[in-house]
Amino acid sequence: FSLLILSKAVVSTQSTGIGIICEAFLVYQCIGMVTESGRLTLALPNKLNVAFDFSSFLKIYLALIVFGGMALIKHMGSQRTKAMKKLAKLKQMEDVYHKQKDLMKIRKKKESKKAL
């Protein structure tokens, strides 16, 4: 059971990392195309009197993907470590319980042999 949980944690962490890398790559590829075409860019003068450069937004977003992705992976790793420690502690408690149960059985057998 714990092997299944461990494999799930490893696969989800790897797939998250791959997803972050793919998204960052796609945004990086789009920056050049948006800069050339000027698409989704608002220039002055206009009715709203607001300028918006979408390629600058994509550059900021790319930085956020990189640093936010690193923070996300770090957080997921700490959560996995925390969960695995809990699981190991429960496993230890279970092992202690089974050992005590086995010792009780052995004591009962010895007591029954002495009684005969």
PDB file of N, CA and C in Angstrom:
ATOM      1  N   PHE A   1       0.821  -1.204   0.000  1.00  0.00           N
ATOM      2  CA  PHE A   1       0.000   0.000   0.000  1.00  0.00           C
ATOM      3  C   PHE A   1       0.859   1.258   0.000  1.00  0.00           C
ATOM      4  N   SER A   2       1.905   1.278   0.839  1.00  0.00           N
ATOM      5  CA  SER A   2       2.746   2.470   0.908  1.00  0.00           C
ATOM      6  C   SER A   2       3.521   2.665  -0.396  1.00  0.00           C
ATOM      7  N   LEU A   3       3.843   1.581  -1.090  1.00  0.00           N
ATOM      8  CA  LEU A   3       4.528   1.684  -2.377  1.00  0.00           C
ATOM      9  C   LEU A   3       3.634   2.377  -3.400  1.00  0.00           C
ATOM     10  N   LEU A   4       2.357   2.075  -3.345  1.00  0.00           N
ATOM     11  CA  LEU A   4       1.396   2.716  -4.244  1.00  0.00           C
ATOM     12  C   LEU A   4       1.316   4.219  -3.977  1.00  0.00           C
ATOM     13  N   ILE A   5       1.280   4.595  -2.710  1.00  0.00           N
ATOM     14  CA  ILE A   5       1.221   6.011  -2.347  1.00  0.00           C
ATOM     15  C   ILE A   5       2.500   6.714  -2.775  1.00  0.00           C
ATOM     16  N   LEU A   6       3.648   6.067  -2.559  1.00  0.00           N
ATOM     17  CA  LEU A   6       4.924   6.658  -2.934  1.00  0.00           C
ATOM     18  C   LEU A   6       5.007   6.857  -4.443  1.00  0.00           C
ATOM     19  N   SER A   7       4.585   5.857  -5.217  1.00  0.00           N
ATOM     20  CA  SER A   7       4.649   5.976  -6.673  1.00  0.00           C
ATOM     21  C   SER A   7       3.706   7.080  -7.170  1.00  0.00           C
ATOM     22  N   LYS A   8       2.548   7.204  -6.533  1.00  0.00           N
ATOM     23  CA  LYS A   8       1.612   8.272  -6.907  1.00  0.00           C
ATOM     24  C   LYS A   8       2.232   9.642  -6.649  1.00  0.00           C
ATOM     25  N   ALA A   9       2.898   9.790  -5.525  1.00  0.00           N
ATOM     26  CA  ALA A   9       3.524  11.071  -5.180  1.00  0.00           C
ATOM     27  C   ALA A   9       4.649  11.406  -6.154  1.00  0.00           C
ATOM     28  N   VAL A  10       5.448  10.422  -6.516  1.00  0.00           N
ATOM     29  CA  VAL A  10       6.563  10.670  -7.433  1.00  0.00           C
ATOM     30  C   VAL A  10       6.045  11.041  -8.817  1.00  0.00           C
ATOM     31  N   VAL A  11       5.048  10.313  -9.299  1.00  0.00           N
ATOM     32  CA  VAL A  11       4.503  10.582 -10.635  1.00  0.00           C
ATOM     33  C   VAL A  11       3.829  11.943 -10.683  1.00  0.00           C
ATOM     34  N   SER A  12       3.084  12.301  -9.642  1.00  0.00           N
ATOM     35  CA  SER A  12       2.405  13.597  -9.668  1.00  0.00           C
ATOM     36  C   SER A  12       3.404  14.744  -9.617  1.00  0.00           C
ATOM     37  N   THR A  13       4.489  14.577  -8.864  1.00  0.00           N
ATOM     38  CA  THR A  13       5.508  15.619  -8.813  1.00  0.00           C
ATOM     39  C   THR A  13       6.191  15.768 -10.163  1.00  0.00           C
ATOM     40  N   GLN A  14       6.514  14.649 -10.794  1.00  0.00           N
ATOM     41  CA  GLN A  14       7.168  14.711 -12.105  1.00  0.00           C
ATOM     42  C   GLN A  14       6.244  15.307 -13.155  1.00  0.00           C
ATOM     43  N   SER A  15       4.982  14.921 -13.151  1.00  0.00           N
ATOM     44  CA  SER A  15       4.070  15.450 -14.163  1.00  0.00           C
ATOM     45  C   SER A  15       3.810  16.947 -13.943  1.00  0.00           C
ATOM     46  N   THR A  16       3.817  17.385 -12.693  1.00  0.00           N
ATOM     47  CA  THR A  16       3.669  18.806 -12.424  1.00  0.00           C
ATOM     48  C   THR A  16       4.867  19.565 -12.963  1.00  0.00           C
ATOM     49  N   GLY A  17       6.056  19.043 -12.748  1.00  0.00           N
ATOM     50  CA  GLY A  17       7.270  19.682 -13.261  1.00  0.00           C
ATOM     51  C   GLY A  17       7.283  19.750 -14.773  1.00  0.00           C
ATOM     52  N   ILE A  18       6.876  18.675 -15.412  1.00  0.00           N
ATOM     53  CA  ILE A  18       6.827  18.648 -16.874  1.00  0.00           C
ATOM     54  C   ILE A  18       5.790  19.652 -17.389  1.00  0.00           C
ATOM     55  N   GLY A  19       4.655  19.746 -16.712  1.00  0.00           N
ATOM     56  CA  GLY A  19       3.621  20.704 -17.102  1.00  0.00           C
ATOM     57  C   GLY A  19       4.104  22.144 -16.984  1.00  0.00           C
ATOM     58  N   ILE A  20       4.833  22.437 -15.922  1.00  0.00           N
ATOM     59  CA  ILE A  20       5.367  23.795 -15.734  1.00  0.00           C
ATOM     60  C   ILE A  20       6.382  24.117 -16.825  1.00  0.00           C
ATOM     61  N   ILE A  21       7.257  23.162 -17.123  1.00  0.00           N
ATOM     62  CA  ILE A  21       8.264  23.382 -18.172  1.00  0.00           C
ATOM     63  C   ILE A  21       7.596  23.595 -19.526  1.00  0.00           C
ATOM     64  N   CYS A  22       6.588  22.804 -19.837  1.00  0.00           N
ATOM     65  CA  CYS A  22       5.882  22.946 -21.122  1.00  0.00           C
ATOM     66  C   CYS A  22       5.176  24.298 -21.217  1.00  0.00           C
ATOM     67  N   GLU A  23       4.520  24.708 -20.146  1.00  0.00           N
ATOM     68  CA  GLU A  23       3.828  25.999 -20.181  1.00  0.00           C
ATOM     69  C   GLU A  23       4.827  27.138 -20.346  1.00  0.00           C
ATOM     70  N   ALA A  24       5.948  27.072 -19.634  1.00  0.00           N
ATOM     71  CA  ALA A  24       6.965  28.117 -19.754  1.00  0.00           C
ATOM     72  C   ALA A  24       7.526  28.159 -21.177  1.00  0.00           C
ATOM     73  N   PHE A  25       7.741  26.998 -21.776  1.00  0.00           N
ATOM     74  CA  PHE A  25       8.252  26.933 -23.142  1.00  0.00           C
ATOM     75  C   PHE A  25       7.264  27.560 -24.124  1.00  0.00           C
ATOM     76  N   LEU A  26       5.989  27.243 -23.969  1.00  0.00           N
ATOM     77  CA  LEU A  26       4.971  27.800 -24.864  1.00  0.00           C
ATOM     78  C   LEU A  26       4.854  29.318 -24.720  1.00  0.00           C
ATOM     79  N   VAL A  27       4.910  29.804 -23.498  1.00  0.00           N
ATOM     80  CA  VAL A  27       4.843  31.254 -23.283  1.00  0.00           C
ATOM     81  C   VAL A  27       6.066  31.914 -23.905  1.00  0.00           C
ATOM     82  N   TYR A  28       7.237  31.307 -23.748  1.00  0.00           N
ATOM     83  CA  TYR A  28       8.462  31.849 -24.334  1.00  0.00           C
ATOM     84  C   TYR A  28       8.347  31.913 -25.855  1.00  0.00           C
ATOM     85  N   GLN A  29       7.788  30.881 -26.467  1.00  0.00           N
ATOM     86  CA  GLN A  29       7.601  30.871 -27.918  1.00  0.00           C
ATOM     87  C   GLN A  29       6.606  31.946 -28.360  1.00  0.00           C
ATOM     88  N   CYS A  30       5.599  32.198 -27.553  1.00  0.00           N
ATOM     89  CA  CYS A  30       4.569  33.183 -27.914  1.00  0.00           C
ATOM     90  C   CYS A  30       5.064  34.619 -27.809  1.00  0.00           C
ATOM     91  N   ILE A  31       6.046  34.865 -26.963  1.00  0.00           N
ATOM     92  CA  ILE A  31       6.520  36.244 -26.768  1.00  0.00           C
ATOM     93  C   ILE A  31       6.989  36.845 -28.092  1.00  0.00           C
ATOM     94  N   GLY A  32       7.776  36.093 -28.845  1.00  0.00           N
ATOM     95  CA  GLY A  32       8.264  36.592 -30.135  1.00  0.00           C
ATOM     96  C   GLY A  32       7.152  36.853 -31.120  1.00  0.00           C
ATOM     97  N   MET A  33       6.209  35.946 -31.203  1.00  0.00           N
ATOM     98  CA  MET A  33       5.101  36.108 -32.147  1.00  0.00           C
ATOM     99  C   MET A  33       4.220  37.298 -31.782  1.00  0.00           C
ATOM    100  N   VAL A  34       3.960  37.485 -30.502  1.00  0.00           N
ATOM    101  CA  VAL A  34       3.117  38.599 -30.071  1.00  0.00           C
ATOM    102  C   VAL A  34       3.831  39.927 -30.296  1.00  0.00           C
ATOM    103  N   THR A  35       5.147  39.949 -30.059  1.00  0.00           N
ATOM    104  CA  THR A  35       5.914  41.178 -30.274  1.00  0.00           C
ATOM    105  C   THR A  35       5.888  41.584 -31.742  1.00  0.00           C
ATOM    106  N   GLU A  36       6.054  40.614 -32.648  1.00  0.00           N
ATOM    107  CA  GLU A  36       6.044  40.907 -34.086  1.00  0.00           C
ATOM    108  C   GLU A  36       4.674  41.364 -34.567  1.00  0.00           C
ATOM    109  N   SER A  37       3.638  40.666 -34.144  1.00  0.00           N
ATOM    110  CA  SER A  37       2.305  40.961 -34.674  1.00  0.00           C
ATOM    111  C   SER A  37       1.624  42.121 -33.958  1.00  0.00           C
ATOM    112  N   GLY A  38       1.987  42.366 -32.709  1.00  0.00           N
ATOM    113  CA  GLY A  38       1.314  43.421 -31.953  1.00  0.00           C
ATOM    114  C   GLY A  38      -0.087  43.022 -31.536  1.00  0.00           C
ATOM    115  N   ARG A  39      -0.396  41.756 -31.617  1.00  0.00           N
ATOM    116  CA  ARG A  39      -1.722  41.250 -31.294  1.00  0.00           C
ATOM    117  C   ARG A  39      -1.981  41.364 -29.787  1.00  0.00           C
ATOM    118  N   LEU A  40      -3.194  41.677 -29.423  1.00  0.00           N
ATOM    119  CA  LEU A  40      -3.652  41.843 -28.052  1.00  0.00           C
ATOM    120  C   LEU A  40      -2.921  42.975 -27.323  1.00  0.00           C
ATOM    121  N   THR A  41      -2.336  43.904 -28.063  1.00  0.00           N
ATOM    122  CA  THR A  41      -1.640  45.055 -27.493  1.00  0.00           C
ATOM    123  C   THR A  41      -2.472  46.290 -27.733  1.00  0.00           C
ATOM    124  N   LEU A  42      -2.647  47.079 -26.710  1.00  0.00           N
ATOM    125  CA  LEU A  42      -3.423  48.308 -26.797  1.00  0.00           C
ATOM    126  C   LEU A  42      -2.448  49.479 -26.800  1.00  0.00           C
ATOM    127  N   ALA A  43      -2.509  50.326 -27.803  1.00  0.00           N
ATOM    128  CA  ALA A  43      -1.612  51.479 -27.893  1.00  0.00           C
ATOM    129  C   ALA A  43      -2.387  52.767 -27.652  1.00  0.00           C
ATOM    130  N   LEU A  44      -1.680  53.777 -27.200  1.00  0.00           N
ATOM    131  CA  LEU A  44      -2.294  55.092 -27.024  1.00  0.00           C
ATOM    132  C   LEU A  44      -2.306  55.824 -28.357  1.00  0.00           C
ATOM    133  N   PRO A  45      -3.123  56.713 -28.653  1.00  0.00           N
ATOM    134  CA  PRO A  45      -4.331  57.129 -27.954  1.00  0.00           C
ATOM    135  C   PRO A  45      -5.503  56.190 -28.275  1.00  0.00           C
ATOM    136  N   ASN A  46      -6.345  55.996 -27.303  1.00  0.00           N
ATOM    137  CA  ASN A  46      -7.578  55.237 -27.485  1.00  0.00           C
ATOM    138  C   ASN A  46      -8.647  55.806 -26.557  1.00  0.00           C
ATOM    139  N   LYS A  47      -9.856  55.258 -26.630  1.00  0.00           N
ATOM    140  CA  LYS A  47     -10.969  55.797 -25.839  1.00  0.00           C
ATOM    141  C   LYS A  47     -10.728  55.668 -24.334  1.00  0.00           C
ATOM    142  N   LEU A  48     -10.093  54.569 -23.927  1.00  0.00           N
ATOM    143  CA  LEU A  48      -9.861  54.343 -22.496  1.00  0.00           C
ATOM    144  C   LEU A  48      -8.630  55.070 -21.971  1.00  0.00           C
ATOM    145  N   ASN A  49      -7.769  55.554 -22.894  1.00  0.00           N
ATOM    146  CA  ASN A  49      -6.532  56.237 -22.535  1.00  0.00           C
ATOM    147  C   ASN A  49      -5.626  55.328 -21.691  1.00  0.00           C
ATOM    148  N   VAL A  50      -5.548  54.067 -22.113  1.00  0.00           N
ATOM    149  CA  VAL A  50      -4.755  53.056 -21.421  1.00  0.00           C
ATOM    150  C   VAL A  50      -3.880  52.351 -22.443  1.00  0.00           C
ATOM    151  N   ALA A  51      -2.627  52.112 -22.072  1.00  0.00           N
ATOM    152  CA  ALA A  51      -1.728  51.337 -22.931  1.00  0.00           C
ATOM    153  C   ALA A  51      -1.451  49.999 -22.270  1.00  0.00           C
ATOM    154  N   PHE A  52      -1.430  48.961 -23.081  1.00  0.00           N
ATOM    155  CA  PHE A  52      -1.160  47.614 -22.561  1.00  0.00           C
ATOM    156  C   PHE A  52      -0.329  46.867 -23.590  1.00  0.00           C
ATOM    157  N   ASP A  53       0.862  46.441 -23.176  1.00  0.00           N
ATOM    158  CA  ASP A  53       1.743  45.683 -24.053  1.00  0.00           C
ATOM    159  C   ASP A  53       1.680  44.217 -23.627  1.00  0.00           C
ATOM    160  N   PHE A  54       1.068  43.396 -24.465  1.00  0.00           N
ATOM    161  CA  PHE A  54       0.859  41.993 -24.104  1.00  0.00           C
ATOM    162  C   PHE A  54       2.171  41.224 -24.032  1.00  0.00           C
ATOM    163  N   SER A  55       3.160  41.583 -24.831  1.00  0.00           N
ATOM    164  CA  SER A  55       4.447  40.876 -24.770  1.00  0.00           C
ATOM    165  C   SER A  55       5.135  41.132 -23.430  1.00  0.00           C
ATOM    166  N   SER A  56       5.001  42.324 -22.866  1.00  0.00           N
ATOM    167  CA  SER A  56       5.552  42.604 -21.526  1.00  0.00           C
ATOM    168  C   SER A  56       4.824  41.780 -20.475  1.00  0.00           C
ATOM    169  N   PHE A  57       3.502  41.683 -20.629  1.00  0.00           N
ATOM    170  CA  PHE A  57       2.724  40.843 -19.719  1.00  0.00           C
ATOM    171  C   PHE A  57       3.197  39.398 -19.772  1.00  0.00           C
ATOM    172  N   LEU A  58       3.459  38.879 -20.987  1.00  0.00           N
ATOM    173  CA  LEU A  58       3.924  37.504 -21.122  1.00  0.00           C
ATOM    174  C   LEU A  58       5.299  37.306 -20.480  1.00  0.00           C
ATOM    175  N   LYS A  59       6.161  38.308 -20.556  1.00  0.00           N
ATOM    176  CA  LYS A  59       7.475  38.217 -19.922  1.00  0.00           C
ATOM    177  C   LYS A  59       7.347  38.143 -18.405  1.00  0.00           C
ATOM    178  N   ILE A  60       6.469  38.953 -17.857  1.00  0.00           N
ATOM    179  CA  ILE A  60       6.225  38.914 -16.407  1.00  0.00           C
ATOM    180  C   ILE A  60       5.611  37.576 -16.018  1.00  0.00           C
ATOM    181  N   TYR A  61       4.664  37.116 -16.830  1.00  0.00           N
ATOM    182  CA  TYR A  61       4.015  35.823 -16.575  1.00  0.00           C
ATOM    183  C   TYR A  61       5.022  34.683 -16.638  1.00  0.00           C
ATOM    184  N   LEU A  62       5.965  34.754 -17.562  1.00  0.00           N
ATOM    185  CA  LEU A  62       7.003  33.730 -17.677  1.00  0.00           C
ATOM    186  C   LEU A  62       7.847  33.682 -16.409  1.00  0.00           C
ATOM    187  N   ALA A  63       8.208  34.834 -15.888  1.00  0.00           N
ATOM    188  CA  ALA A  63       8.977  34.875 -14.633  1.00  0.00           C
ATOM    189  C   ALA A  63       8.167  34.284 -13.482  1.00  0.00           C
ATOM    190  N   LEU A  64       6.876  34.603 -13.446  1.00  0.00           N
ATOM    191  CA  LEU A  64       6.016  34.052 -12.396  1.00  0.00           C
ATOM    192  C   LEU A  64       5.865  32.547 -12.518  1.00  0.00           C
ATOM    193  N   ILE A  65       5.809  32.035 -13.746  1.00  0.00           N
ATOM    194  CA  ILE A  65       5.714  30.588 -13.947  1.00  0.00           C
ATOM    195  C   ILE A  65       6.962  29.908 -13.389  1.00  0.00           C
ATOM    196  N   VAL A  66       8.123  30.464 -13.699  1.00  0.00           N
ATOM    197  CA  VAL A  66       9.378  29.840 -13.257  1.00  0.00           C
ATOM    198  C   VAL A  66       9.475  29.856 -11.734  1.00  0.00           C
ATOM    199  N   PHE A  67       9.341  31.036 -11.120  1.00  0.00           N
ATOM    200  CA  PHE A  67       9.497  31.122  -9.670  1.00  0.00           C
ATOM    201  C   PHE A  67       8.318  30.492  -8.923  1.00  0.00           C
ATOM    202  N   GLY A  68       7.124  30.677  -9.435  1.00  0.00           N
ATOM    203  CA  GLY A  68       5.959  30.048  -8.813  1.00  0.00           C
ATOM    204  C   GLY A  68       6.000  28.535  -8.931  1.00  0.00           C
ATOM    205  N   GLY A  69       6.497  28.039 -10.065  1.00  0.00           N
ATOM    206  CA  GLY A  69       6.625  26.597 -10.247  1.00  0.00           C
ATOM    207  C   GLY A  69       7.629  25.999  -9.286  1.00  0.00           C
ATOM    208  N   MET A  70       8.732  26.714  -9.079  1.00  0.00           N
ATOM    209  CA  MET A  70       9.729  26.222  -8.128  1.00  0.00           C
ATOM    210  C   MET A  70       9.146  26.180  -6.716  1.00  0.00           C
ATOM    211  N   ALA A  71       8.405  27.216  -6.347  1.00  0.00           N
ATOM    212  CA  ALA A  71       7.774  27.247  -5.028  1.00  0.00           C
ATOM    213  C   ALA A  71       6.738  26.127  -4.899  1.00  0.00           C
ATOM    214  N   LEU A  72       5.994  25.878  -5.967  1.00  0.00           N
ATOM    215  CA  LEU A  72       4.987  24.813  -5.955  1.00  0.00           C
ATOM    216  C   LEU A  72       5.632  23.447  -5.770  1.00  0.00           C
ATOM    217  N   ILE A  73       6.703  23.180  -6.514  1.00  0.00           N
ATOM    218  CA  ILE A  73       7.386  21.889  -6.398  1.00  0.00           C
ATOM    219  C   ILE A  73       7.973  21.717  -5.001  1.00  0.00           C
ATOM    220  N   LYS A  74       8.557  22.792  -4.463  1.00  0.00           N
ATOM    221  CA  LYS A  74       9.120  22.730  -3.118  1.00  0.00           C
ATOM    222  C   LYS A  74       8.025  22.432  -2.090  1.00  0.00           C
ATOM    223  N   HIS A  75       6.878  23.104  -2.218  1.00  0.00           N
ATOM    224  CA  HIS A  75       5.768  22.880  -1.293  1.00  0.00           C
ATOM    225  C   HIS A  75       5.238  21.446  -1.404  1.00  0.00           C
ATOM    226  N   MET A  76       5.102  20.968  -2.630  1.00  0.00           N
ATOM    227  CA  MET A  76       4.624  19.594  -2.821  1.00  0.00           C
ATOM    228  C   MET A  76       5.602  18.592  -2.210  1.00  0.00           C
ATOM    229  N   GLY A  77       6.895  18.858  -2.338  1.00  0.00           N
ATOM    230  CA  GLY A  77       7.893  17.973  -1.742  1.00  0.00           C
ATOM    231  C   GLY A  77       7.803  17.956  -0.227  1.00  0.00           C
ATOM    232  N   SER A  78       7.615  19.114   0.376  1.00  0.00           N
ATOM    233  CA  SER A  78       7.500  19.158   1.842  1.00  0.00           C
ATOM    234  C   SER A  78       6.222  18.466   2.308  1.00  0.00           C
ATOM    235  N   GLN A  79       5.129  18.631   1.559  1.00  0.00           N
ATOM    236  CA  GLN A  79       3.889  17.949   1.915  1.00  0.00           C
ATOM    237  C   GLN A  79       4.031  16.430   1.786  1.00  0.00           C
ATOM    238  N   ARG A  80       4.740  15.987   0.735  1.00  0.00           N
ATOM    239  CA  ARG A  80       4.957  14.550   0.558  1.00  0.00           C
ATOM    240  C   ARG A  80       5.811  14.004   1.700  1.00  0.00           C
ATOM    241  N   THR A  81       6.859  14.747   2.091  1.00  0.00           N
ATOM    242  CA  THR A  81       7.704  14.315   3.197  1.00  0.00           C
ATOM    243  C   THR A  81       6.892  14.213   4.481  1.00  0.00           C
ATOM    244  N   LYS A  82       6.056  15.191   4.718  1.00  0.00           N
ATOM    245  CA  LYS A  82       5.207  15.203   5.907  1.00  0.00           C
ATOM    246  C   LYS A  82       4.271  13.987   5.912  1.00  0.00           C
ATOM    247  N   ALA A  83       3.666  13.702   4.768  1.00  0.00           N
ATOM    248  CA  ALA A  83       2.745  12.565   4.669  1.00  0.00           C
ATOM    249  C   ALA A  83       3.480  11.246   4.833  1.00  0.00           C
ATOM    250  N   MET A  84       4.681  11.142   4.257  1.00  0.00           N
ATOM    251  CA  MET A  84       5.439   9.901   4.368  1.00  0.00           C
ATOM    252  C   MET A  84       5.908   9.662   5.803  1.00  0.00           C
ATOM    253  N   LYS A  85       6.244  10.739   6.510  1.00  0.00           N
ATOM    254  CA  LYS A  85       6.626  10.589   7.921  1.00  0.00           C
ATOM    255  C   LYS A  85       5.445  10.070   8.732  1.00  0.00           C
ATOM    256  N   LYS A  86       4.262  10.618   8.450  1.00  0.00           N
ATOM    257  CA  LYS A  86       3.055  10.143   9.138  1.00  0.00           C
ATOM    258  C   LYS A  86       2.805   8.673   8.834  1.00  0.00           C
ATOM    259  N   LEU A  87       2.962   8.317   7.558  1.00  0.00           N
ATOM    260  CA  LEU A  87       2.739   6.942   7.145  1.00  0.00           C
ATOM    261  C   LEU A  87       3.749   6.011   7.800  1.00  0.00           C
ATOM    262  N   ALA A  88       5.007   6.445   7.872  1.00  0.00           N
ATOM    263  CA  ALA A  88       6.044   5.624   8.509  1.00  0.00           C
ATOM    264  C   ALA A  88       5.758   5.461   9.990  1.00  0.00           C
ATOM    265  N   LYS A  89       5.288   6.527  10.627  1.00  0.00           N
ATOM    266  CA  LYS A  89       4.965   6.446  12.045  1.00  0.00           C
ATOM    267  C   LYS A  89       3.805   5.473  12.275  1.00  0.00           C
ATOM    268  N   LEU A  90       2.780   5.551  11.418  1.00  0.00           N
ATOM    269  CA  LEU A  90       1.659   4.613  11.541  1.00  0.00           C
ATOM    270  C   LEU A  90       2.114   3.181  11.308  1.00  0.00           C
ATOM    271  N   LYS A  91       3.006   2.997  10.348  1.00  0.00           N
ATOM    272  CA  LYS A  91       3.532   1.661  10.060  1.00  0.00           C
ATOM    273  C   LYS A  91       4.314   1.144  11.256  1.00  0.00           C
ATOM    274  N   GLN A  92       5.111   2.020  11.882  1.00  0.00           N
ATOM    275  CA  GLN A  92       5.858   1.627  13.071  1.00  0.00           C
ATOM    276  C   GLN A  92       4.910   1.219  14.184  1.00  0.00           C
ATOM    277  N   MET A  93       3.860   2.009  14.393  1.00  0.00           N
ATOM    278  CA  MET A  93       2.893   1.695  15.437  1.00  0.00           C
ATOM    279  C   MET A  93       2.200   0.367  15.155  1.00  0.00           C
ATOM    280  N   GLU A  94       1.911   0.117  13.902  1.00  0.00           N
ATOM    281  CA  GLU A  94       1.283  -1.139  13.517  1.00  0.00           C
ATOM    282  C   GLU A  94       2.225  -2.310  13.770  1.00  0.00           C
ATOM    283  N   ASP A  95       3.503  -2.138  13.443  1.00  0.00           N
ATOM    284  CA  ASP A  95       4.482  -3.184  13.686  1.00  0.00           C
ATOM    285  C   ASP A  95       4.623  -3.471  15.176  1.00  0.00           C
ATOM    286  N   VAL A  96       4.645  -2.408  15.986  1.00  0.00           N
ATOM    287  CA  VAL A  96       4.745  -2.584  17.440  1.00  0.00           C
ATOM    288  C   VAL A  96       3.519  -3.332  17.949  1.00  0.00           C
ATOM    289  N   TYR A  97       2.351  -2.985  17.456  1.00  0.00           N
ATOM    290  CA  TYR A  97       1.118  -3.654  17.875  1.00  0.00           C
ATOM    291  C   TYR A  97       1.176  -5.141  17.540  1.00  0.00           C
ATOM    292  N   HIS A  98       1.623  -5.476  16.329  1.00  0.00           N
ATOM    293  CA  HIS A  98       1.692  -6.886  15.935  1.00  0.00           C
ATOM    294  C   HIS A  98       2.740  -7.635  16.749  1.00  0.00           C
ATOM    295  N   LYS A  99       3.858  -6.982  17.075  1.00  0.00           N
ATOM    296  CA  LYS A  99       4.877  -7.624  17.908  1.00  0.00           C
ATOM    297  C   LYS A  99       4.333  -7.888  19.305  1.00  0.00           C
ATOM    298  N   GLN A 100       3.622  -6.922  19.862  1.00  0.00           N
ATOM    299  CA  GLN A 100       3.035  -7.120  21.186  1.00  0.00           C
ATOM    300  C   GLN A 100       1.997  -8.235  21.163  1.00  0.00           C
ATOM    301  N   LYS A 101       1.228  -8.281  20.094  1.00  0.00           N
ATOM    302  CA  LYS A 101       0.219  -9.333  19.952  1.00  0.00           C
ATOM    303  C   LYS A 101       0.892 -10.707  19.874  1.00  0.00           C
ATOM    304  N   ASP A 102       2.001 -10.795  19.108  1.00  0.00           N
ATOM    305  CA  ASP A 102       2.738 -12.046  18.998  1.00  0.00           C
ATOM    306  C   ASP A 102       3.346 -12.442  20.340  1.00  0.00           C
ATOM    307  N   LEU A 103       3.881 -11.470  21.081  1.00  0.00           N
ATOM    308  CA  LEU A 103       4.444 -11.762  22.400  1.00  0.00           C
ATOM    309  C   LEU A 103       3.376 -12.267  23.359  1.00  0.00           C
ATOM    310  N   MET A 104       2.176 -11.701  23.281  1.00  0.00           N
ATOM    311  CA  MET A 104       1.081 -12.155  24.133  1.00  0.00           C
ATOM    312  C   MET A 104       0.706 -13.598  23.801  1.00  0.00           C
ATOM    313  N   LYS A 105       0.716 -13.949  22.526  1.00  0.00           N
ATOM    314  CA  LYS A 105       0.413 -15.323  22.125  1.00  0.00           C
ATOM    315  C   LYS A 105       1.467 -16.283  22.663  1.00  0.00           C
ATOM    316  N   ILE A 106       2.733 -15.880  22.569  1.00  0.00           N
ATOM    317  CA  ILE A 106       3.828 -16.726  23.062  1.00  0.00           C
ATOM    318  C   ILE A 106       3.706 -16.909  24.569  1.00  0.00           C
ATOM    319  N   ARG A 107       3.397 -15.844  25.305  1.00  0.00           N
ATOM    320  CA  ARG A 107       3.235 -15.934  26.763  1.00  0.00           C
ATOM    321  C   ARG A 107       2.079 -16.865  27.123  1.00  0.00           C
ATOM    322  N   LYS A 108       0.982 -16.759  26.385  1.00  0.00           N
ATOM    323  CA  LYS A 108      -0.163 -17.633  26.660  1.00  0.00           C
ATOM    324  C   LYS A 108       0.187 -19.092  26.425  1.00  0.00           C
ATOM    325  N   LYS A 109       0.967 -19.380  25.372  1.00  0.00           N
ATOM    326  CA  LYS A 109       1.391 -20.754  25.087  1.00  0.00           C
ATOM    327  C   LYS A 109       2.291 -21.267  26.203  1.00  0.00           C
ATOM    328  N   LYS A 110       3.222 -20.437  26.668  1.00  0.00           N
ATOM    329  CA  LYS A 110       4.111 -20.844  27.771  1.00  0.00           C
ATOM    330  C   LYS A 110       3.340 -21.099  29.033  1.00  0.00           C
ATOM    331  N   GLU A 111       2.371 -20.216  29.316  1.00  0.00           N
ATOM    332  CA  GLU A 111       1.551 -20.386  30.519  1.00  0.00           C
ATOM    333  C   GLU A 111       0.701 -21.640  30.436  1.00  0.00           C
ATOM    334  N   SER A 112       0.190 -21.935  29.245  1.00  0.00           N
ATOM    335  CA  SER A 112      -0.631 -23.150  29.087  1.00  0.00           C
ATOM    336  C   SER A 112       0.226 -24.397  29.213  1.00  0.00           C
ATOM    337  N   LYS A 113       1.483 -24.359  28.755  1.00  0.00           N
ATOM    338  CA  LYS A 113       2.391 -25.503  28.903  1.00  0.00           C
ATOM    339  C   LYS A 113       2.770 -25.712  30.365  1.00  0.00           C
ATOM    340  N   LYS A 114       2.964 -24.600  31.098  1.00  0.00           N
ATOM    341  CA  LYS A 114       3.304 -24.709  32.513  1.00  0.00           C
ATOM    342  C   LYS A 114       2.117 -25.256  33.314  1.00  0.00           C
ATOM    343  N   ALA A 115       0.921 -24.913  32.907  1.00  0.00           N
ATOM    344  CA  ALA A 115      -0.279 -25.363  33.618  1.00  0.00           C
ATOM    345  C   ALA A 115      -0.473 -26.861  33.437  1.00  0.00           C
ATOM    346  N   LEU A 116      -0.015 -27.426  32.327  1.00  0.00           N
ATOM    347  CA  LEU A 116      -0.173 -28.864  32.088  1.00  0.00           C
ATOM    348  C   LEU A 116       0.837 -29.585  32.876  1.00  0.00           C
TER     349      LEU A 116
END
